[in-house]
């Protein structure tokens, strides 16, 4: 079990680094608090190409990070 725990730690570390890198690479929205009143552009606009790929990658890496976190519960 110690080997599995070590492998999970390494995987989670790599996922954390990947998640940090992906979030840093995403373009800034730039609207800040101004989007409170007229932020419909954020919700109804389609993301294309690079932004869409980064958004999907963020979702998948975050889900993988959460799964490895839950696996730590069962590995003692």
Foldseek 3Di string as FASTA:
>chain_A
DVVVVVVLVVLLVVLVVVLVVLVVPADDPPCPPVCPVPVVCVVPDDDDDPNVVSVVVNVVSVVVNVVSVVVVVVPD
